[in-house]
């Protein structure tokens, strides 16, 4: 990941959490104790780029802890697995904000949430940073993609409720 993209990813995440942490926590029944990320399902070398982006954010890096590693279960783009990831320690009673770099179908995030839950945690919320959009899926997706390319994104909304 280029430095420029890394900084942009950190900025989007930091700004979104600054604006919406309160409403996410309210919708989740309370604040989280820790933040962790969904590990790469591929054999990525070195530190995950999302972890690097989080470390650029003073407001959240102290809340971050690597809690998961790849498990023995198979995860595909559309099929989750309770054994796809494994918790690195017991998490009895801890509330977790789970951050995923890219949402395709939710299978990886669901697999990660299952591993955290099986270790005793409550996943307060799952926050994806990016969304896979494949314009070739159809004309409506292509039109959406083109519209997003010329839009200035406004974070001053809350899809969960008023805040």
N, C-alpha and C. Protein backbone atom coordinates (compact mmCIF):
# COMPACT_ATOMS: atom_id res chain seq x y z
N UNK A 1 0.86 -1.17 0.00
CA UNK A 1 0.00 0.00 0.00
C UNK A 1 0.90 1.23 0.00
N UNK A 2 0.63 2.15 -0.90
CA UNK A 2 1.44 3.36 -0.97
C UNK A 2 1.20 4.22 0.26
N UNK A 3 2.17 5.03 0.58
CA UNK A 3 2.06 5.92 1.75
C UNK A 3 0.85 6.84 1.60
N UNK A 4 0.63 7.36 0.40
CA UNK A 4 -0.49 8.27 0.15
C UNK A 4 -1.83 7.57 0.44
N UNK A 5 -1.99 6.34 -0.05
CA UNK A 5 -3.23 5.60 0.18
C UNK A 5 -3.39 5.26 1.66
N UNK A 6 -2.28 4.92 2.32
CA UNK A 6 -2.29 4.61 3.75
C UNK A 6 -2.78 5.81 4.56
N UNK A 7 -2.27 6.98 4.25
CA UNK A 7 -2.68 8.20 4.96
C UNK A 7 -4.15 8.52 4.69
N UNK A 8 -4.59 8.34 3.45
CA UNK A 8 -6.00 8.58 3.13
C UNK A 8 -6.91 7.61 3.88
N UNK A 9 -6.51 6.34 3.96
CA UNK A 9 -7.30 5.34 4.68
C UNK A 9 -7.39 5.71 6.15
N UNK A 10 -6.27 6.09 6.74
CA UNK A 10 -6.26 6.51 8.15
C UNK A 10 -7.14 7.73 8.35
N UNK A 11 -7.08 8.68 7.44
CA UNK A 11 -7.88 9.90 7.57
C UNK A 11 -9.37 9.59 7.50
N UNK A 12 -9.77 8.75 6.58
CA UNK A 12 -11.19 8.38 6.46
C UNK A 12 -11.66 7.69 7.73
N UNK A 13 -10.89 6.72 8.20
CA UNK A 13 -11.25 5.99 9.42
C UNK A 13 -11.31 6.92 10.63
N UNK A 14 -10.28 7.74 10.81
CA UNK A 14 -10.25 8.64 11.96
C UNK A 14 -11.39 9.65 11.95
N UNK A 15 -11.65 10.22 10.79
CA UNK A 15 -12.72 11.22 10.69
C UNK A 15 -14.08 10.58 10.93
N UNK A 16 -14.31 9.41 10.34
CA UNK A 16 -15.58 8.73 10.54
C UNK A 16 -15.79 8.40 12.02
N UNK A 17 -14.78 7.85 12.67
CA UNK A 17 -14.93 7.51 14.09
C UNK A 17 -15.10 8.75 14.96
N UNK A 18 -14.43 9.83 14.61
CA UNK A 18 -14.59 11.07 15.36
C UNK A 18 -16.04 11.55 15.30
N UNK A 19 -16.64 11.45 14.14
CA UNK A 19 -18.02 11.91 13.97
C UNK A 19 -19.06 10.92 14.50
N UNK A 20 -18.78 9.62 14.45
CA UNK A 20 -19.83 8.63 14.67
C UNK A 20 -19.63 7.64 15.80
N UNK A 21 -18.55 7.74 16.55
CA UNK A 21 -18.32 6.80 17.66
C UNK A 21 -19.48 6.80 18.65
N UNK A 22 -20.00 7.97 18.95
CA UNK A 22 -21.09 8.06 19.93
C UNK A 22 -22.34 7.35 19.44
N UNK A 23 -22.71 7.56 18.17
CA UNK A 23 -23.93 6.91 17.68
C UNK A 23 -23.72 5.41 17.45
N UNK A 24 -22.51 5.00 17.07
CA UNK A 24 -22.24 3.56 16.93
C UNK A 24 -22.35 2.89 18.30
N UNK A 25 -21.74 3.50 19.31
CA UNK A 25 -21.79 2.94 20.67
C UNK A 25 -23.22 2.90 21.19
N UNK A 26 -23.99 3.93 20.92
CA UNK A 26 -25.39 3.95 21.37
C UNK A 26 -26.19 2.83 20.72
N UNK A 27 -26.00 2.64 19.42
CA UNK A 27 -26.71 1.58 18.72
C UNK A 27 -26.24 0.19 19.15
N UNK A 28 -24.98 0.10 19.60
CA UNK A 28 -24.40 -1.19 20.01
C UNK A 28 -24.66 -1.51 21.48
N UNK A 29 -25.35 -0.63 22.17
CA UNK A 29 -25.65 -0.88 23.58
C UNK A 29 -24.54 -0.49 24.53
N UNK A 30 -23.58 0.28 24.05
CA UNK A 30 -22.50 0.76 24.90
C UNK A 30 -21.20 0.85 24.13
N UNK A 31 -20.20 1.47 24.75
CA UNK A 31 -18.91 1.64 24.07
C UNK A 31 -18.13 0.32 24.00
N UNK A 32 -17.09 0.32 23.20
CA UNK A 32 -16.23 -0.85 23.09
C UNK A 32 -15.02 -0.66 23.99
N UNK A 33 -14.41 -1.79 24.36
CA UNK A 33 -13.20 -1.78 25.17
C UNK A 33 -11.94 -1.77 24.32
N UNK A 34 -12.03 -2.46 23.19
CA UNK A 34 -10.88 -2.63 22.31
C UNK A 34 -11.31 -2.51 20.86
N UNK A 35 -10.34 -2.18 20.02
CA UNK A 35 -10.53 -2.19 18.57
C UNK A 35 -9.59 -3.23 18.02
N UNK A 36 -10.07 -4.05 17.09
CA UNK A 36 -9.22 -4.99 16.38
C UNK A 36 -9.63 -4.99 14.92
N UNK A 37 -8.84 -5.67 14.10
CA UNK A 37 -9.13 -5.71 12.67
C UNK A 37 -9.23 -7.16 12.20
N UNK A 38 -9.93 -7.32 11.10
CA UNK A 38 -10.06 -8.63 10.46
C UNK A 38 -8.73 -8.92 9.76
N UNK A 39 -8.08 -10.04 10.10
CA UNK A 39 -6.81 -10.36 9.43
C UNK A 39 -7.02 -10.65 7.95
N UNK A 40 -5.95 -10.56 7.22
CA UNK A 40 -6.00 -10.92 5.81
C UNK A 40 -6.28 -12.40 5.68
N UNK A 41 -7.11 -12.77 4.72
CA UNK A 41 -7.37 -14.19 4.51
C UNK A 41 -6.33 -14.79 3.57
N UNK A 42 -5.53 -13.95 2.96
CA UNK A 42 -4.43 -14.42 2.10
C UNK A 42 -3.15 -14.41 2.92
N UNK A 43 -2.14 -15.06 2.45
CA UNK A 43 -0.87 -15.11 3.15
C UNK A 43 -0.05 -13.85 2.95
N UNK A 44 -0.50 -12.75 3.51
CA UNK A 44 0.17 -11.46 3.36
C UNK A 44 1.43 -11.43 4.22
N UNK A 45 2.51 -10.93 3.67
CA UNK A 45 3.75 -10.78 4.42
C UNK A 45 3.73 -9.46 5.19
N UNK A 46 4.25 -9.49 6.39
CA UNK A 46 4.39 -8.27 7.17
C UNK A 46 3.07 -7.80 7.79
N UNK A 47 3.11 -6.61 8.31
CA UNK A 47 1.97 -6.03 9.00
C UNK A 47 0.86 -5.67 8.01
N UNK A 48 -0.38 -5.97 8.38
CA UNK A 48 -1.54 -5.65 7.54
C UNK A 48 -1.62 -4.14 7.36
N UNK A 49 -1.89 -3.66 6.14
CA UNK A 49 -1.98 -2.22 5.90
C UNK A 49 -3.01 -1.50 6.79
N UNK A 50 -4.11 -2.17 7.12
CA UNK A 50 -5.09 -1.54 8.00
C UNK A 50 -4.50 -1.29 9.38
N UNK A 51 -3.70 -2.22 9.89
CA UNK A 51 -3.03 -2.01 11.17
C UNK A 51 -2.08 -0.81 11.08
N UNK A 52 -1.39 -0.69 9.98
CA UNK A 52 -0.48 0.44 9.79
C UNK A 52 -1.26 1.76 9.78
N UNK A 53 -2.42 1.77 9.12
CA UNK A 53 -3.25 2.98 9.08
C UNK A 53 -3.75 3.34 10.48
N UNK A 54 -4.19 2.35 11.23
CA UNK A 54 -4.70 2.60 12.59
C UNK A 54 -3.60 3.18 13.47
N UNK A 55 -2.37 2.72 13.30
CA UNK A 55 -1.26 3.22 14.11
C UNK A 55 -0.94 4.68 13.84
N UNK A 56 -1.44 5.23 12.74
CA UNK A 56 -1.26 6.65 12.43
C UNK A 56 -2.25 7.54 13.19
N UNK A 57 -3.22 6.93 13.87
CA UNK A 57 -4.30 7.67 14.52
C UNK A 57 -4.14 7.67 16.04
N UNK A 58 -3.65 8.77 16.61
CA UNK A 58 -3.42 8.80 18.06
C UNK A 58 -4.68 8.53 18.88
N UNK A 59 -5.84 8.93 18.39
CA UNK A 59 -7.07 8.76 19.16
C UNK A 59 -7.52 7.31 19.27
N UNK A 60 -7.10 6.45 18.35
CA UNK A 60 -7.58 5.07 18.43
C UNK A 60 -6.47 4.03 18.53
N UNK A 61 -5.22 4.39 18.24
CA UNK A 61 -4.17 3.36 18.24
C UNK A 61 -3.97 2.72 19.60
N UNK A 62 -4.23 3.46 20.69
CA UNK A 62 -4.07 2.87 22.03
C UNK A 62 -5.20 1.90 22.37
N UNK A 63 -6.32 1.99 21.65
CA UNK A 63 -7.43 1.06 21.85
C UNK A 63 -7.26 -0.20 21.01
N UNK A 64 -6.31 -0.17 20.06
CA UNK A 64 -6.15 -1.28 19.12
C UNK A 64 -5.33 -2.40 19.73
N UNK A 65 -5.77 -3.63 19.49
CA UNK A 65 -4.99 -4.81 19.85
C UNK A 65 -5.23 -5.88 18.78
N UNK A 66 -4.15 -6.49 18.35
CA UNK A 66 -4.27 -7.61 17.41
C UNK A 66 -4.84 -8.79 18.19
N UNK A 67 -6.05 -9.21 17.86
CA UNK A 67 -6.74 -10.25 18.62
C UNK A 67 -6.98 -11.53 17.83
N UNK A 68 -6.72 -11.50 16.53
CA UNK A 68 -7.07 -12.64 15.68
C UNK A 68 -5.91 -13.06 14.80
N UNK A 69 -5.89 -14.35 14.48
CA UNK A 69 -4.99 -14.86 13.46
C UNK A 69 -5.80 -15.78 12.57
N UNK A 70 -5.24 -16.10 11.43
CA UNK A 70 -5.92 -16.98 10.48
C UNK A 70 -6.11 -18.35 11.12
N UNK A 71 -7.27 -18.94 10.97
CA UNK A 71 -7.57 -20.27 11.50
C UNK A 71 -7.49 -21.31 10.41
N UNK A 72 -7.93 -22.53 10.74
CA UNK A 72 -7.84 -23.61 9.76
C UNK A 72 -9.06 -23.72 8.86
N UNK A 73 -10.14 -23.03 9.18
CA UNK A 73 -11.34 -23.10 8.36
C UNK A 73 -11.21 -22.29 7.08
N UNK A 74 -11.88 -22.76 6.04
CA UNK A 74 -11.84 -22.06 4.75
C UNK A 74 -12.88 -20.95 4.74
N UNK A 75 -12.44 -19.78 4.29
CA UNK A 75 -13.33 -18.64 4.11
C UNK A 75 -13.29 -18.28 2.63
N UNK A 76 -14.46 -18.18 2.02
CA UNK A 76 -14.51 -17.70 0.64
C UNK A 76 -15.16 -16.32 0.65
N UNK A 77 -15.31 -15.76 -0.53
CA UNK A 77 -15.94 -14.44 -0.61
C UNK A 77 -17.41 -14.46 -0.19
N UNK A 78 -18.02 -15.64 -0.21
CA UNK A 78 -19.44 -15.71 0.12
C UNK A 78 -19.79 -16.67 1.25
N UNK A 79 -18.80 -17.40 1.77
CA UNK A 79 -19.07 -18.39 2.82
C UNK A 79 -18.20 -18.12 4.03
N UNK A 80 -18.85 -17.86 5.17
CA UNK A 80 -18.13 -17.64 6.43
C UNK A 80 -17.79 -18.98 7.07
N UNK A 81 -16.88 -18.94 8.04
CA UNK A 81 -16.49 -20.16 8.76
C UNK A 81 -16.21 -19.80 10.22
N UNK A 82 -16.79 -20.58 11.13
CA UNK A 82 -16.51 -20.37 12.55
C UNK A 82 -15.04 -20.65 12.88
N UNK A 83 -14.35 -21.36 12.00
CA UNK A 83 -12.95 -21.69 12.23
C UNK A 83 -12.01 -20.95 11.27
N UNK A 84 -12.53 -19.93 10.59
CA UNK A 84 -11.73 -19.16 9.65
C UNK A 84 -10.66 -18.32 10.32
N UNK A 85 -10.94 -17.87 11.54
CA UNK A 85 -9.98 -17.11 12.33
C UNK A 85 -9.96 -17.69 13.73
N UNK A 86 -8.89 -17.39 14.46
CA UNK A 86 -8.74 -17.87 15.83
C UNK A 86 -8.32 -16.71 16.72
N UNK A 87 -8.96 -16.59 17.87
CA UNK A 87 -8.60 -15.53 18.82
C UNK A 87 -7.24 -15.86 19.44
N UNK A 88 -6.45 -14.82 19.68
CA UNK A 88 -5.12 -14.99 20.25
C UNK A 88 -5.14 -15.13 21.77
N UNK A 89 -6.28 -14.80 22.40
CA UNK A 89 -6.41 -14.94 23.85
C UNK A 89 -7.89 -14.97 24.21
N UNK A 90 -8.20 -15.31 25.45
CA UNK A 90 -9.57 -15.26 25.94
C UNK A 90 -10.00 -13.80 26.03
N UNK A 91 -11.25 -13.54 25.76
CA UNK A 91 -11.77 -12.17 25.73
C UNK A 91 -13.02 -12.05 26.58
N UNK A 92 -13.09 -12.77 27.67
CA UNK A 92 -14.29 -12.84 28.50
C UNK A 92 -14.81 -11.46 28.87
N UNK A 93 -16.00 -11.15 28.37
CA UNK A 93 -16.69 -9.92 28.71
C UNK A 93 -16.21 -8.67 28.00
N UNK A 94 -15.20 -8.75 27.15
CA UNK A 94 -14.71 -7.55 26.47
C UNK A 94 -15.57 -7.23 25.26
N UNK A 95 -15.78 -5.94 25.05
CA UNK A 95 -16.57 -5.46 23.91
C UNK A 95 -15.59 -4.95 22.85
N UNK A 96 -15.81 -5.42 21.63
CA UNK A 96 -14.85 -5.18 20.55
C UNK A 96 -15.49 -4.41 19.40
N UNK A 97 -14.77 -3.41 18.88
CA UNK A 97 -15.10 -2.80 17.59
C UNK A 97 -14.21 -3.49 16.57
N UNK A 98 -14.83 -4.17 15.63
CA UNK A 98 -14.11 -4.94 14.61
C UNK A 98 -14.08 -4.12 13.32
N UNK A 99 -12.87 -3.85 12.83
CA UNK A 99 -12.70 -3.06 11.61
C UNK A 99 -12.22 -3.97 10.50
N UNK A 100 -12.87 -3.87 9.35
CA UNK A 100 -12.49 -4.65 8.17
C UNK A 100 -12.06 -3.68 7.08
N UNK A 101 -10.99 -4.03 6.36
CA UNK A 101 -10.51 -3.12 5.33
C UNK A 101 -11.46 -3.02 4.15
N UNK A 102 -12.05 -4.15 3.74
CA UNK A 102 -12.92 -4.16 2.57
C UNK A 102 -14.08 -5.12 2.79
N UNK A 103 -15.27 -4.65 2.52
CA UNK A 103 -16.46 -5.49 2.61
C UNK A 103 -16.83 -5.95 1.20
N UNK A 104 -16.85 -7.25 1.01
CA UNK A 104 -17.34 -7.81 -0.24
C UNK A 104 -18.71 -8.41 0.02
N UNK A 105 -18.75 -9.47 0.82
CA UNK A 105 -20.02 -10.09 1.18
C UNK A 105 -20.26 -10.09 2.69
N UNK A 106 -19.21 -9.83 3.46
CA UNK A 106 -19.30 -9.89 4.91
C UNK A 106 -18.82 -11.21 5.49
N UNK A 107 -18.41 -12.16 4.65
CA UNK A 107 -18.01 -13.48 5.13
C UNK A 107 -16.78 -13.41 6.03
N UNK A 108 -15.78 -12.62 5.66
CA UNK A 108 -14.58 -12.51 6.49
C UNK A 108 -14.90 -11.84 7.82
N UNK A 109 -15.66 -10.76 7.79
CA UNK A 109 -16.03 -10.07 9.03
C UNK A 109 -16.88 -10.97 9.92
N UNK A 110 -17.81 -11.71 9.32
CA UNK A 110 -18.64 -12.63 10.09
C UNK A 110 -17.79 -13.73 10.72
N UNK A 111 -16.81 -14.24 9.98
CA UNK A 111 -15.92 -15.27 10.51
C UNK A 111 -15.08 -14.73 11.66
N UNK A 112 -14.59 -13.50 11.52
CA UNK A 112 -13.80 -12.87 12.59
C UNK A 112 -14.67 -12.63 13.82
N UNK A 113 -15.88 -12.15 13.62
CA UNK A 113 -16.79 -11.91 14.74
C UNK A 113 -17.11 -13.20 15.47
N UNK A 114 -17.26 -14.29 14.73
CA UNK A 114 -17.53 -15.59 15.34
C UNK A 114 -16.37 -16.03 16.22
N UNK A 115 -15.14 -15.85 15.73
CA UNK A 115 -13.97 -16.23 16.53
C UNK A 115 -13.87 -15.40 17.80
N UNK A 116 -14.16 -14.11 17.71
CA UNK A 116 -14.12 -13.25 18.89
C UNK A 116 -15.21 -13.66 19.88
N UNK A 117 -16.39 -13.92 19.37
CA UNK A 117 -17.50 -14.36 20.22
C UNK A 117 -17.19 -15.68 20.90
N UNK A 118 -16.62 -16.62 20.15
CA UNK A 118 -16.26 -17.91 20.72
C UNK A 118 -15.18 -17.79 21.80
N UNK A 119 -14.42 -16.70 21.77
CA UNK A 119 -13.39 -16.46 22.79
C UNK A 119 -13.95 -15.67 23.98
N UNK A 120 -15.26 -15.37 23.95
CA UNK A 120 -15.90 -14.71 25.08
C UNK A 120 -16.21 -13.24 24.90
N UNK A 121 -15.87 -12.67 23.76
CA UNK A 121 -16.10 -11.25 23.52
C UNK A 121 -17.51 -10.98 23.01
N UNK A 122 -17.90 -9.73 23.11
CA UNK A 122 -19.09 -9.23 22.43
C UNK A 122 -18.60 -8.30 21.33
N UNK A 123 -18.97 -8.58 20.11
CA UNK A 123 -18.61 -7.68 19.01
C UNK A 123 -19.65 -6.58 18.99
N UNK A 124 -19.24 -5.40 19.45
CA UNK A 124 -20.17 -4.27 19.57
C UNK A 124 -20.61 -3.80 18.19
N UNK A 125 -19.68 -3.77 17.24
CA UNK A 125 -20.00 -3.32 15.88
C UNK A 125 -18.90 -3.78 14.94
N UNK A 126 -19.26 -3.88 13.68
CA UNK A 126 -18.29 -4.15 12.61
C UNK A 126 -18.28 -2.93 11.70
N UNK A 127 -17.10 -2.39 11.46
CA UNK A 127 -16.95 -1.19 10.65
C UNK A 127 -16.07 -1.49 9.45
N UNK A 128 -16.66 -1.60 8.25
CA UNK A 128 -15.83 -1.77 7.05
C UNK A 128 -15.35 -0.40 6.56
N UNK A 129 -14.13 -0.35 6.08
CA UNK A 129 -13.57 0.90 5.57
C UNK A 129 -13.89 1.09 4.10
N UNK A 130 -13.83 0.03 3.33
CA UNK A 130 -14.09 0.10 1.90
C UNK A 130 -15.12 -0.92 1.48
N UNK A 131 -15.67 -0.73 0.31
CA UNK A 131 -16.69 -1.62 -0.23
C UNK A 131 -16.29 -1.99 -1.64
N UNK A 132 -16.33 -3.28 -1.95
CA UNK A 132 -16.02 -3.73 -3.30
C UNK A 132 -17.23 -3.44 -4.19
N UNK A 133 -16.98 -2.74 -5.26
CA UNK A 133 -18.01 -2.45 -6.26
C UNK A 133 -17.46 -2.88 -7.60
N UNK A 134 -18.14 -3.78 -8.27
CA UNK A 134 -17.70 -4.29 -9.57
C UNK A 134 -18.66 -3.78 -10.63
N UNK A 135 -18.27 -2.72 -11.34
CA UNK A 135 -19.17 -2.12 -12.33
C UNK A 135 -19.69 -3.09 -13.38
N UNK A 136 -18.93 -4.13 -13.70
CA UNK A 136 -19.36 -5.07 -14.74
C UNK A 136 -20.49 -5.99 -14.29
N UNK A 137 -20.92 -5.89 -13.02
CA UNK A 137 -22.04 -6.73 -12.55
C UNK A 137 -23.35 -6.34 -13.22
N UNK A 138 -23.46 -5.14 -13.75
CA UNK A 138 -24.68 -4.75 -14.43
C UNK A 138 -24.75 -3.24 -14.61
N UNK A 139 -25.69 -2.79 -15.43
CA UNK A 139 -25.79 -1.36 -15.72
C UNK A 139 -26.08 -0.51 -14.48
N UNK A 140 -26.88 -1.03 -13.54
CA UNK A 140 -27.18 -0.26 -12.33
C UNK A 140 -25.95 -0.09 -11.45
N UNK A 141 -25.09 -1.11 -11.42
CA UNK A 141 -23.86 -1.01 -10.64
C UNK A 141 -22.87 -0.07 -11.33
N UNK A 142 -22.80 -0.16 -12.65
CA UNK A 142 -21.92 0.74 -13.39
C UNK A 142 -22.35 2.20 -13.21
N UNK A 143 -23.65 2.46 -13.25
CA UNK A 143 -24.15 3.83 -13.05
C UNK A 143 -23.81 4.32 -11.64
N UNK A 144 -23.97 3.45 -10.64
CA UNK A 144 -23.63 3.79 -9.25
C UNK A 144 -22.13 4.13 -9.15
N UNK A 145 -21.29 3.31 -9.76
CA UNK A 145 -19.85 3.50 -9.73
C UNK A 145 -19.48 4.86 -10.35
N UNK A 146 -20.06 5.17 -11.49
CA UNK A 146 -19.76 6.45 -12.16
C UNK A 146 -20.21 7.63 -11.30
N UNK A 147 -21.36 7.50 -10.68
CA UNK A 147 -21.88 8.58 -9.81
C UNK A 147 -20.94 8.81 -8.63
N UNK A 148 -20.42 7.73 -8.03
CA UNK A 148 -19.54 7.86 -6.88
C UNK A 148 -18.22 8.52 -7.25
N UNK A 149 -17.77 8.32 -8.48
CA UNK A 149 -16.51 8.90 -8.92
C UNK A 149 -16.53 10.40 -9.04
N UNK A 150 -17.70 11.00 -9.16
CA UNK A 150 -17.77 12.45 -9.31
C UNK A 150 -18.38 13.12 -8.07
N UNK A 151 -18.77 12.33 -7.07
CA UNK A 151 -19.39 12.87 -5.87
C UNK A 151 -18.34 13.21 -4.82
N UNK A 152 -18.62 14.25 -4.06
CA UNK A 152 -17.83 14.55 -2.88
C UNK A 152 -18.55 13.89 -1.72
N UNK A 153 -17.86 13.00 -1.02
CA UNK A 153 -18.52 12.24 0.03
C UNK A 153 -18.71 13.10 1.27
N UNK A 154 -19.87 13.01 1.84
CA UNK A 154 -20.22 13.77 3.03
C UNK A 154 -20.40 12.83 4.20
N UNK A 155 -19.57 12.98 5.24
CA UNK A 155 -19.67 12.14 6.42
C UNK A 155 -20.67 12.68 7.44
N UNK A 156 -21.30 13.78 7.16
CA UNK A 156 -22.21 14.39 8.13
C UNK A 156 -23.60 13.77 8.06
N UNK A 157 -23.65 12.49 8.25
CA UNK A 157 -24.89 11.73 8.30
C UNK A 157 -24.68 10.67 9.35
N UNK A 158 -25.73 10.07 9.75
CA UNK A 158 -25.59 8.89 10.61
C UNK A 158 -26.63 7.89 10.16
N UNK A 159 -26.15 6.78 9.62
CA UNK A 159 -27.06 5.79 9.10
C UNK A 159 -27.72 4.97 10.23
N UNK A 160 -27.23 5.14 11.44
CA UNK A 160 -27.76 4.39 12.57
C UNK A 160 -28.92 5.11 13.22
N UNK A 161 -28.87 6.40 13.27
CA UNK A 161 -29.93 7.17 13.91
C UNK A 161 -29.45 8.60 14.13
N UNK A 162 -30.28 9.39 14.69
CA UNK A 162 -29.93 10.79 14.95
C UNK A 162 -28.92 10.87 16.08
N UNK A 163 -28.02 11.80 15.96
CA UNK A 163 -27.06 12.09 17.03
C UNK A 163 -26.66 13.54 17.01
